[in-house]
Protein backbone atom coordinates (compact mmCIF):
# COMPACT_ATOMS: atom_id res chain seq x y z
CA MET A 1 -23.93 6.44 29.64
CA VAL A 2 -21.50 7.09 26.42
CA ASP A 3 -21.69 9.58 24.17
CA PRO A 4 -21.69 9.00 20.41
CA LEU A 5 -18.63 10.85 19.82
CA SER A 6 -16.64 9.02 22.38
CA GLY A 7 -17.97 5.87 21.55
CA THR A 8 -16.79 6.47 18.14
CA VAL A 9 -13.29 7.64 19.79
CA LEU A 10 -13.04 4.56 21.70
CA LEU A 11 -13.93 2.36 19.00
CA ALA A 12 -11.18 3.93 17.09
CA LEU A 13 -9.08 3.38 19.63
CA ALA A 14 -9.68 -0.43 19.81
CA ALA A 15 -9.27 -0.67 15.62
CA ILE A 16 -5.77 0.48 15.78
CA ALA A 17 -5.04 -1.42 18.78
CA ALA A 18 -6.28 -4.56 17.67
CA ILE A 19 -4.28 -3.62 14.47
CA GLY A 20 -1.16 -3.40 16.04
CA VAL A 21 -1.43 -6.52 18.20
CA ALA A 22 -2.36 -8.19 15.01
CA ILE A 23 0.86 -6.85 13.20
CA ILE A 24 3.31 -7.90 16.20
CA ALA A 25 1.92 -11.30 16.19
CA ILE A 26 2.60 -11.94 12.16
CA ARG A 27 6.22 -10.48 12.77
CA ILE A 28 6.86 -13.06 15.84
CA ALA A 29 5.02 -15.72 13.63
CA ILE A 30 7.22 -15.23 10.30
CA LYS A 31 10.37 -14.98 12.85
CA LEU A 32 9.22 -18.18 14.16
CA ALA A 33 8.69 -19.70 10.62
CA ILE A 34 12.29 -18.33 9.65
CA ARG A 35 13.87 -20.25 12.67
CA VAL A 36 11.69 -23.28 12.31
CA GLY A 37 12.79 -23.58 8.25
CA ILE A 38 16.31 -22.94 9.18
CA VAL A 39 16.74 -26.09 11.54
CA ALA A 40 14.48 -27.94 9.51
CA ALA A 41 16.99 -27.72 6.41
CA ILE A 42 19.67 -28.12 8.56
CA VAL A 43 18.60 -31.63 9.82
CA LEU A 44 17.70 -32.38 6.84
CA ALA A 45 20.75 -31.77 5.43
CA ALA A 46 22.40 -33.77 7.96
CA LEU A 47 20.11 -36.92 7.44
CA TYR A 48 21.07 -36.61 3.78
CA ALA A 49 24.78 -36.44 4.81
CA THR A 50 24.45 -39.29 6.58
CA GLY A 51 22.49 -41.67 4.63
CA PHE A 52 18.94 -41.50 6.30
CA VAL A 53 16.99 -39.65 3.35
CA GLY A 54 17.59 -41.05 -0.07
CA LEU A 55 16.77 -38.03 -1.67
CA PRO A 56 17.12 -37.67 -6.02
CA PHE A 57 19.30 -34.17 -6.02
């Protein structure tokens, strides 16, 4: 059986691990979003330069 003190310690360690995983996931998501945004900007610029997209700039 788990005594209350070790249960609290395990709960705290689980919370720290969850926060760590969330931070890493957010960092990966930000990097991926930046890359997707850069690719989208390049594709849009190429489409605009070739005349496929008529954006009024």
